[in-house]
Amino acid sequence: AETQFKVLGSLDQDNLHIIQLEETTPPFPLLQPVPIVGLLPIQLNSPGEFER
């Protein structure tokens, strides 16, 4: 799922950078959820199959 933030404030002092954020709800979905149709079979490789 998507996450959208609004910057509330920032502070820059030498090597210290702080950004204050607030999570917001987007006006429309940015990403569609991926449907999970089923599980894929897992094929186990025999020992040493990928050794060179």
PDB file of N, CA and C in Angstrom:
ATOM      1  N   ALA A   1       0.836  -1.183   0.000  1.00  0.00           N
ATOM      2  CA  ALA A   1       0.000   0.000   0.000  1.00  0.00           C
ATOM      3  C   ALA A   1       0.878   1.241   0.000  1.00  0.00           C
ATOM      4  N   GLU A   2       0.304   2.291  -0.449  1.00  0.00           N
ATOM      5  CA  GLU A   2       1.047   3.540  -0.540  1.00  0.00           C
ATOM      6  C   GLU A   2       0.994   4.301   0.782  1.00  0.00           C
ATOM      7  N   THR A   3       1.949   5.180   0.980  1.00  0.00           N
ATOM      8  CA  THR A   3       1.989   6.047   2.148  1.00  0.00           C
ATOM      9  C   THR A   3       2.299   7.449   1.668  1.00  0.00           C
ATOM     10  N   GLN A   4       1.538   8.412   2.151  1.00  0.00           N
ATOM     11  CA  GLN A   4       1.743   9.801   1.760  1.00  0.00           C
ATOM     12  C   GLN A   4       1.976  10.618   3.023  1.00  0.00           C
ATOM     13  N   PHE A   5       2.922  11.553   2.955  1.00  0.00           N
ATOM     14  CA  PHE A   5       3.268  12.370   4.108  1.00  0.00           C
ATOM     15  C   PHE A   5       3.162  13.848   3.764  1.00  0.00           C
ATOM     16  N   LYS A   6       2.926  14.659   4.795  1.00  0.00           N
ATOM     17  CA  LYS A   6       2.945  16.110   4.676  1.00  0.00           C
ATOM     18  C   LYS A   6       4.067  16.597   5.590  1.00  0.00           C
ATOM     19  N   VAL A   7       4.905  17.502   5.081  1.00  0.00           N
ATOM     20  CA  VAL A   7       6.001  18.046   5.876  1.00  0.00           C
ATOM     21  C   VAL A   7       5.446  19.135   6.783  1.00  0.00           C
ATOM     22  N   LEU A   8       5.618  18.953   8.102  1.00  0.00           N
ATOM     23  CA  LEU A   8       5.149  19.938   9.072  1.00  0.00           C
ATOM     24  C   LEU A   8       6.243  20.933   9.439  1.00  0.00           C
ATOM     25  N   GLY A   9       7.493  20.498   9.396  1.00  0.00           N
ATOM     26  CA  GLY A   9       8.590  21.395   9.731  1.00  0.00           C
ATOM     27  C   GLY A   9       9.917  20.720   9.506  1.00  0.00           C
ATOM     28  N   SER A  10      10.974  21.524   9.506  1.00  0.00           N
ATOM     29  CA  SER A  10      12.314  20.971   9.333  1.00  0.00           C
ATOM     30  C   SER A  10      13.314  21.814  10.109  1.00  0.00           C
ATOM     31  N   LEU A  11      14.425  21.193  10.466  1.00  0.00           N
ATOM     32  CA  LEU A  11      15.486  21.855  11.213  1.00  0.00           C
ATOM     33  C   LEU A  11      16.818  21.383  10.656  1.00  0.00           C
ATOM     34  N   ASP A  12      17.664  22.319  10.254  1.00  0.00           N
ATOM     35  CA  ASP A  12      19.002  22.006   9.746  1.00  0.00           C
ATOM     36  C   ASP A  12      20.022  22.734  10.610  1.00  0.00           C
ATOM     37  N   GLN A  13      20.838  21.967  11.328  1.00  0.00           N
ATOM     38  CA  GLN A  13      21.916  22.543  12.130  1.00  0.00           C
ATOM     39  C   GLN A  13      23.167  21.721  11.903  1.00  0.00           C
ATOM     40  N   ASP A  14      24.118  22.301  11.205  1.00  0.00           N
ATOM     41  CA  ASP A  14      25.372  21.623  10.881  1.00  0.00           C
ATOM     42  C   ASP A  14      25.087  20.272  10.223  1.00  0.00           C
ATOM     43  N   ASN A  15      25.473  19.174  10.869  1.00  0.00           N
ATOM     44  CA  ASN A  15      25.267  17.840  10.303  1.00  0.00           C
ATOM     45  C   ASN A  15      24.001  17.174  10.804  1.00  0.00           C
ATOM     46  N   LEU A  16      23.118  17.925  11.466  1.00  0.00           N
ATOM     47  CA  LEU A  16      21.872  17.372  11.988  1.00  0.00           C
ATOM     48  C   LEU A  16      20.712  17.903  11.161  1.00  0.00           C
ATOM     49  N   HIS A  17      19.957  17.004  10.553  1.00  0.00           N
ATOM     50  CA  HIS A  17      18.802  17.379   9.738  1.00  0.00           C
ATOM     51  C   HIS A  17      17.594  16.639  10.281  1.00  0.00           C
ATOM     52  N   ILE A  18      16.582  17.378  10.719  1.00  0.00           N
ATOM     53  CA  ILE A  18      15.369  16.779  11.272  1.00  0.00           C
ATOM     54  C   ILE A  18      14.183  17.256  10.442  1.00  0.00           C
ATOM     55  N   ILE A  19      13.341  16.313  10.041  1.00  0.00           N
ATOM     56  CA  ILE A  19      12.126  16.633   9.287  1.00  0.00           C
ATOM     57  C   ILE A  19      10.949  16.067  10.056  1.00  0.00           C
ATOM     58  N   GLN A  20       9.973  16.916  10.357  1.00  0.00           N
ATOM     59  CA  GLN A  20       8.766  16.467  11.059  1.00  0.00           C
ATOM     60  C   GLN A  20       7.697  16.183  10.014  1.00  0.00           C
ATOM     61  N   LEU A  21       7.187  14.933  10.010  1.00  0.00           N
ATOM     62  CA  LEU A  21       6.216  14.490   9.014  1.00  0.00           C
ATOM     63  C   LEU A  21       4.903  14.117   9.672  1.00  0.00           C
ATOM     64  N   GLU A  22       3.841  14.203   8.876  1.00  0.00           N
ATOM     65  CA  GLU A  22       2.529  13.726   9.304  1.00  0.00           C
ATOM     66  C   GLU A  22       1.993  12.830   8.192  1.00  0.00           C
ATOM     67  N   GLU A  23       1.579  11.622   8.539  1.00  0.00           N
ATOM     68  CA  GLU A  23       1.023  10.714   7.537  1.00  0.00           C
ATOM     69  C   GLU A  23      -0.379  11.183   7.177  1.00  0.00           C
ATOM     70  N   THR A  24      -0.658  11.273   5.887  1.00  0.00           N
ATOM     71  CA  THR A  24      -1.969  11.719   5.419  1.00  0.00           C
ATOM     72  C   THR A  24      -2.603  10.637   4.557  1.00  0.00           C
ATOM     73  N   THR A  25      -3.890  10.751   4.362  1.00  0.00           N
ATOM     74  CA  THR A  25      -4.614   9.831   3.485  1.00  0.00           C
ATOM     75  C   THR A  25      -4.636  10.434   2.085  1.00  0.00           C
ATOM     76  N   PRO A  26      -4.141   9.712   1.075  1.00  0.00           N
ATOM     77  CA  PRO A  26      -4.136  10.259  -0.280  1.00  0.00           C
ATOM     78  C   PRO A  26      -5.560  10.426  -0.804  1.00  0.00           C
ATOM     79  N   PRO A  27      -5.794  11.414  -1.670  1.00  0.00           N
ATOM     80  CA  PRO A  27      -7.134  11.637  -2.216  1.00  0.00           C
ATOM     81  C   PRO A  27      -7.606  10.501  -3.121  1.00  0.00           C
ATOM     82  N   PHE A  28      -6.670   9.736  -3.669  1.00  0.00           N
ATOM     83  CA  PHE A  28      -7.009   8.580  -4.502  1.00  0.00           C
ATOM     84  C   PHE A  28      -5.909   7.544  -4.323  1.00  0.00           C
ATOM     85  N   PRO A  29      -6.223   6.257  -4.517  1.00  0.00           N
ATOM     86  CA  PRO A  29      -5.202   5.216  -4.343  1.00  0.00           C
ATOM     87  C   PRO A  29      -4.103   5.350  -5.395  1.00  0.00           C
ATOM     88  N   LEU A  30      -2.851   5.266  -4.951  1.00  0.00           N
ATOM     89  CA  LEU A  30      -1.721   5.370  -5.870  1.00  0.00           C
ATOM     90  C   LEU A  30      -1.330   4.019  -6.447  1.00  0.00           C
ATOM     91  N   LEU A  31      -1.576   2.962  -5.695  1.00  0.00           N
ATOM     92  CA  LEU A  31      -1.248   1.611  -6.140  1.00  0.00           C
ATOM     93  C   LEU A  31      -2.451   0.709  -5.932  1.00  0.00           C
ATOM     94  N   GLN A  32      -2.643  -0.211  -6.827  1.00  0.00           N
ATOM     95  CA  GLN A  32      -3.708  -1.192  -6.675  1.00  0.00           C
ATOM     96  C   GLN A  32      -3.117  -2.432  -6.015  1.00  0.00           C
ATOM     97  N   PRO A  33      -3.821  -3.047  -5.076  1.00  0.00           N
ATOM     98  CA  PRO A  33      -3.294  -4.270  -4.463  1.00  0.00           C
ATOM     99  C   PRO A  33      -3.160  -5.391  -5.490  1.00  0.00           C
ATOM    100  N   VAL A  34      -2.135  -6.190  -5.332  1.00  0.00           N
ATOM    101  CA  VAL A  34      -1.893  -7.307  -6.239  1.00  0.00           C
ATOM    102  C   VAL A  34      -2.697  -8.505  -5.756  1.00  0.00           C
ATOM    103  N   PRO A  35      -3.546  -9.060  -6.616  1.00  0.00           N
ATOM    104  CA  PRO A  35      -4.324 -10.224  -6.185  1.00  0.00           C
ATOM    105  C   PRO A  35      -3.428 -11.454  -6.046  1.00  0.00           C
ATOM    106  N   ILE A  36      -3.670 -12.245  -5.026  1.00  0.00           N
ATOM    107  CA  ILE A  36      -2.939 -13.496  -4.821  1.00  0.00           C
ATOM    108  C   ILE A  36      -3.838 -14.623  -5.304  1.00  0.00           C
ATOM    109  N   VAL A  37      -3.483 -15.207  -6.455  1.00  0.00           N
ATOM    110  CA  VAL A  37      -4.309 -16.234  -7.078  1.00  0.00           C
ATOM    111  C   VAL A  37      -4.102 -17.577  -6.399  1.00  0.00           C
ATOM    112  N   GLY A  38      -2.881 -17.932  -6.163  1.00  0.00           N
ATOM    113  CA  GLY A  38      -2.564 -19.218  -5.534  1.00  0.00           C
ATOM    114  C   GLY A  38      -1.098 -19.272  -5.194  1.00  0.00           C
ATOM    115  N   LEU A  39      -0.711 -20.303  -4.525  1.00  0.00           N
ATOM    116  CA  LEU A  39       0.685 -20.462  -4.161  1.00  0.00           C
ATOM    117  C   LEU A  39       1.436 -21.167  -5.277  1.00  0.00           C
ATOM    118  N   LEU A  40       2.659 -20.730  -5.524  1.00  0.00           N
ATOM    119  CA  LEU A  40       3.486 -21.380  -6.529  1.00  0.00           C
ATOM    120  C   LEU A  40       4.181 -22.578  -5.897  1.00  0.00           C
ATOM    121  N   PRO A  41       4.352 -23.653  -6.648  1.00  0.00           N
ATOM    122  CA  PRO A  41       5.053 -24.811  -6.091  1.00  0.00           C
ATOM    123  C   PRO A  41       6.523 -24.479  -5.854  1.00  0.00           C
ATOM    124  N   ILE A  42       7.080 -25.023  -4.811  1.00  0.00           N
ATOM    125  CA  ILE A  42       8.486 -24.814  -4.482  1.00  0.00           C
ATOM    126  C   ILE A  42       9.271 -26.031  -4.944  1.00  0.00           C
ATOM    127  N   GLN A  43      10.298 -25.781  -5.764  1.00  0.00           N
ATOM    128  CA  GLN A  43      11.138 -26.868  -6.254  1.00  0.00           C
ATOM    129  C   GLN A  43      12.465 -26.803  -5.514  1.00  0.00           C
ATOM    130  N   LEU A  44      12.780 -27.830  -4.776  1.00  0.00           N
ATOM    131  CA  LEU A  44      14.033 -27.880  -4.040  1.00  0.00           C
ATOM    132  C   LEU A  44      15.137 -28.387  -4.948  1.00  0.00           C
ATOM    133  N   ASN A  45      16.292 -27.743  -4.888  1.00  0.00           N
ATOM    134  CA  ASN A  45      17.434 -28.159  -5.695  1.00  0.00           C
ATOM    135  C   ASN A  45      18.232 -29.207  -4.937  1.00  0.00           C
ATOM    136  N   SER A  46      18.795 -30.131  -5.688  1.00  0.00           N
ATOM    137  CA  SER A  46      19.609 -31.163  -5.051  1.00  0.00           C
ATOM    138  C   SER A  46      20.904 -30.535  -4.542  1.00  0.00           C
ATOM    139  N   PRO A  47      21.486 -31.074  -3.477  1.00  0.00           N
ATOM    140  CA  PRO A  47      22.734 -30.511  -2.925  1.00  0.00           C
ATOM    141  C   PRO A  47      23.833 -30.482  -3.975  1.00  0.00           C
ATOM    142  N   GLY A  48      24.523 -29.360  -4.074  1.00  0.00           N
ATOM    143  CA  GLY A  48      25.636 -29.226  -5.005  1.00  0.00           C
ATOM    144  C   GLY A  48      25.227 -28.889  -6.421  1.00  0.00           C
ATOM    145  N   GLU A  49      23.950 -28.685  -6.678  1.00  0.00           N
ATOM    146  CA  GLU A  49      23.497 -28.430  -8.044  1.00  0.00           C
ATOM    147  C   GLU A  49      24.075 -27.127  -8.591  1.00  0.00           C
ATOM    148  N   PHE A  50      24.240 -26.100  -7.743  1.00  0.00           N
ATOM    149  CA  PHE A  50      24.725 -24.813  -8.219  1.00  0.00           C
ATOM    150  C   PHE A  50      26.169 -24.538  -7.823  1.00  0.00           C
ATOM    151  N   GLU A  51      26.858 -25.513  -7.280  1.00  0.00           N
ATOM    152  CA  GLU A  51      28.256 -25.315  -6.909  1.00  0.00           C
ATOM    153  C   GLU A  51      29.129 -25.398  -8.149  1.00  0.00           C
ATOM    154  N   ARG A  52      30.196 -24.596  -8.153  1.00  0.00           N
ATOM    155  CA  ARG A  52      31.101 -24.610  -9.310  1.00  0.00           C
ATOM    156  C   ARG A  52      32.486 -24.899  -8.867  1.00  0.00           C
TER     157      ARG A  52
END
